[in-house]
Amino acid sequence: MNRFPRESRRRNGEFLVRSAAITMADRLEKLAQAAAEIAASLRRGKRSEQMQQVEDSLQNRLVDFEASYPQLAGIVTRLLDGLAQLGI
């Protein structure tokens, strides 16, 4: 015997579908906003202070990663070079 009536399960299922659609729509909207910001930044041709901080942080983390895992960093570098040669 099922604890929840069929109608209740149906409504819950519809709610989950609507919630997932709203979440996906929010994600797509945020992605579109991020893409627009990136495009605007590229058109301006200069980096904001915030972007420079992000780049510096990423560069520092990359250096730390390479120092901590030199063999893995070498493999990743070769993999990326191979993909670049393939045009990917």
C-alpha atoms as a PDB file:
ATOM      1  CA  MET A   1       0.000   0.000   0.000  1.00  0.00           C
ATOM      2  CA  ASN A   2       1.333   3.407  -0.989  1.00  0.00           C
ATOM      3  CA  ARG A   3       1.540   6.091   1.695  1.00  0.00           C
ATOM      4  CA  PHE A   4       0.845   8.976  -0.690  1.00  0.00           C
ATOM      5  CA  PRO A   5      -2.183   9.279  -2.945  1.00  0.00           C
ATOM      6  CA  ARG A   6      -1.553   9.271  -6.690  1.00  0.00           C
ATOM      7  CA  GLU A   7      -2.657  12.929  -7.065  1.00  0.00           C
ATOM      8  CA  SER A   8      -0.195  14.047  -4.413  1.00  0.00           C
ATOM      9  CA  ARG A   9       2.652  12.208  -6.144  1.00  0.00           C
ATOM     10  CA  ARG A  10       1.659  13.741  -9.474  1.00  0.00           C
ATOM     11  CA  ARG A  11       1.639  17.266  -8.017  1.00  0.00           C
ATOM     12  CA  ASN A  12       4.998  16.701  -6.356  1.00  0.00           C
ATOM     13  CA  GLY A  13       6.418  15.474  -9.644  1.00  0.00           C
ATOM     14  CA  GLU A  14       5.100  18.534 -11.466  1.00  0.00           C
ATOM     15  CA  PHE A  15       6.594  20.769  -8.775  1.00  0.00           C
ATOM     16  CA  LEU A  16       9.995  19.109  -9.182  1.00  0.00           C
ATOM     17  CA  VAL A  17       9.878  19.547 -12.956  1.00  0.00           C
ATOM     18  CA  ARG A  18       8.967  23.248 -12.610  1.00  0.00           C
ATOM     19  CA  SER A  19      11.686  23.743  -9.986  1.00  0.00           C
ATOM     20  CA  ALA A  20      14.281  22.109 -12.234  1.00  0.00           C
ATOM     21  CA  ALA A  21      13.173  24.289 -15.155  1.00  0.00           C
ATOM     22  CA  ILE A  22      13.451  27.435 -13.024  1.00  0.00           C
ATOM     23  CA  THR A  23      16.883  26.381 -11.777  1.00  0.00           C
ATOM     24  CA  MET A  24      18.034  25.679 -15.338  1.00  0.00           C
ATOM     25  CA  ALA A  25      16.635  29.024 -16.502  1.00  0.00           C
ATOM     26  CA  ASP A  26      18.499  30.801 -13.688  1.00  0.00           C
ATOM     27  CA  ARG A  27      21.719  29.042 -14.623  1.00  0.00           C
ATOM     28  CA  LEU A  28      21.297  29.912 -18.287  1.00  0.00           C
ATOM     29  CA  GLU A  29      20.613  33.536 -17.382  1.00  0.00           C
ATOM     30  CA  LYS A  30      23.735  33.706 -15.212  1.00  0.00           C
ATOM     31  CA  LEU A  31      25.768  32.067 -17.949  1.00  0.00           C
ATOM     32  CA  ALA A  32      24.481  34.591 -20.482  1.00  0.00           C
ATOM     33  CA  GLN A  33      25.348  37.451 -18.128  1.00  0.00           C
ATOM     34  CA  ALA A  34      28.854  36.084 -17.616  1.00  0.00           C
ATOM     35  CA  ALA A  35      29.332  35.695 -21.369  1.00  0.00           C
ATOM     36  CA  ALA A  36      28.166  39.281 -21.925  1.00  0.00           C
ATOM     37  CA  GLU A  37      30.591  40.550 -19.283  1.00  0.00           C
ATOM     38  CA  ILE A  38      33.455  38.607 -20.856  1.00  0.00           C
ATOM     39  CA  ALA A  39      32.589  39.924 -24.323  1.00  0.00           C
ATOM     40  CA  ALA A  40      32.403  43.490 -23.016  1.00  0.00           C
ATOM     41  CA  SER A  41      35.752  43.086 -21.301  1.00  0.00           C
ATOM     42  CA  LEU A  42      37.333  41.746 -24.480  1.00  0.00           C
ATOM     43  CA  ARG A  43      35.923  44.647 -26.504  1.00  0.00           C
ATOM     44  CA  ARG A  44      37.376  47.160 -24.038  1.00  0.00           C
ATOM     45  CA  GLY A  45      40.748  45.519 -24.392  1.00  0.00           C
ATOM     46  CA  LYS A  46      41.810  46.255 -20.834  1.00  0.00           C
ATOM     47  CA  ARG A  47      41.533  44.310 -17.623  1.00  0.00           C
ATOM     48  CA  SER A  48      39.719  45.534 -14.572  1.00  0.00           C
ATOM     49  CA  GLU A  49      41.450  45.463 -11.211  1.00  0.00           C
ATOM     50  CA  GLN A  50      39.228  42.565 -10.175  1.00  0.00           C
ATOM     51  CA  MET A  51      40.144  40.617 -13.309  1.00  0.00           C
ATOM     52  CA  GLN A  52      43.833  41.263 -12.685  1.00  0.00           C
ATOM     53  CA  GLN A  53      43.464  39.920  -9.129  1.00  0.00           C
ATOM     54  CA  VAL A  54      41.729  36.800 -10.442  1.00  0.00           C
ATOM     55  CA  GLU A  55      44.463  36.241 -13.024  1.00  0.00           C
ATOM     56  CA  ASP A  56      47.190  36.708 -10.402  1.00  0.00           C
ATOM     57  CA  SER A  57      45.452  34.274  -8.054  1.00  0.00           C
ATOM     58  CA  LEU A  58      45.075  31.703 -10.818  1.00  0.00           C
ATOM     59  CA  GLN A  59      48.715  32.106 -11.818  1.00  0.00           C
ATOM     60  CA  ASN A  60      49.842  31.630  -8.206  1.00  0.00           C
ATOM     61  CA  ARG A  61      47.709  28.513  -7.839  1.00  0.00           C
ATOM     62  CA  LEU A  62      49.106  27.125 -11.075  1.00  0.00           C
ATOM     63  CA  VAL A  63      52.668  27.642  -9.855  1.00  0.00           C
ATOM     64  CA  ASP A  64      51.792  25.923  -6.553  1.00  0.00           C
ATOM     65  CA  PHE A  65      50.193  23.008  -8.417  1.00  0.00           C
ATOM     66  CA  GLU A  66      53.212  22.585 -10.692  1.00  0.00           C
ATOM     67  CA  ALA A  67      55.534  22.613  -7.672  1.00  0.00           C
ATOM     68  CA  SER A  68      53.412  20.105  -5.744  1.00  0.00           C
ATOM     69  CA  TYR A  69      52.681  17.732  -8.626  1.00  0.00           C
ATOM     70  CA  PRO A  70      55.402  18.123 -11.272  1.00  0.00           C
ATOM     71  CA  GLN A  71      54.722  14.840 -13.084  1.00  0.00           C
ATOM     72  CA  LEU A  72      50.977  15.452 -13.294  1.00  0.00           C
ATOM     73  CA  ALA A  73      51.587  19.036 -14.422  1.00  0.00           C
ATOM     74  CA  GLY A  74      53.832  17.711 -17.198  1.00  0.00           C
ATOM     75  CA  ILE A  75      51.179  15.237 -18.327  1.00  0.00           C
ATOM     76  CA  VAL A  76      48.508  17.929 -18.358  1.00  0.00           C
ATOM     77  CA  THR A  77      50.790  20.270 -20.304  1.00  0.00           C
ATOM     78  CA  ARG A  78      51.494  17.603 -22.936  1.00  0.00           C
ATOM     79  CA  LEU A  79      47.802  16.764 -23.157  1.00  0.00           C
ATOM     80  CA  LEU A  80      46.848  20.413 -23.670  1.00  0.00           C
ATOM     81  CA  ASP A  81      49.581  20.860 -26.265  1.00  0.00           C
ATOM     82  CA  GLY A  82      48.316  17.804 -28.153  1.00  0.00           C
ATOM     83  CA  LEU A  83      44.752  19.102 -28.113  1.00  0.00           C
ATOM     84  CA  ALA A  84      45.940  22.495 -29.311  1.00  0.00           C
ATOM     85  CA  GLN A  85      47.750  20.873 -32.233  1.00  0.00           C
ATOM     86  CA  LEU A  86      44.496  19.144 -33.144  1.00  0.00           C
ATOM     87  CA  GLY A  87      42.725  22.483 -33.073  1.00  0.00           C
ATOM     88  CA  ILE A  88      40.651  21.609 -30.040  1.00  0.00           C
END
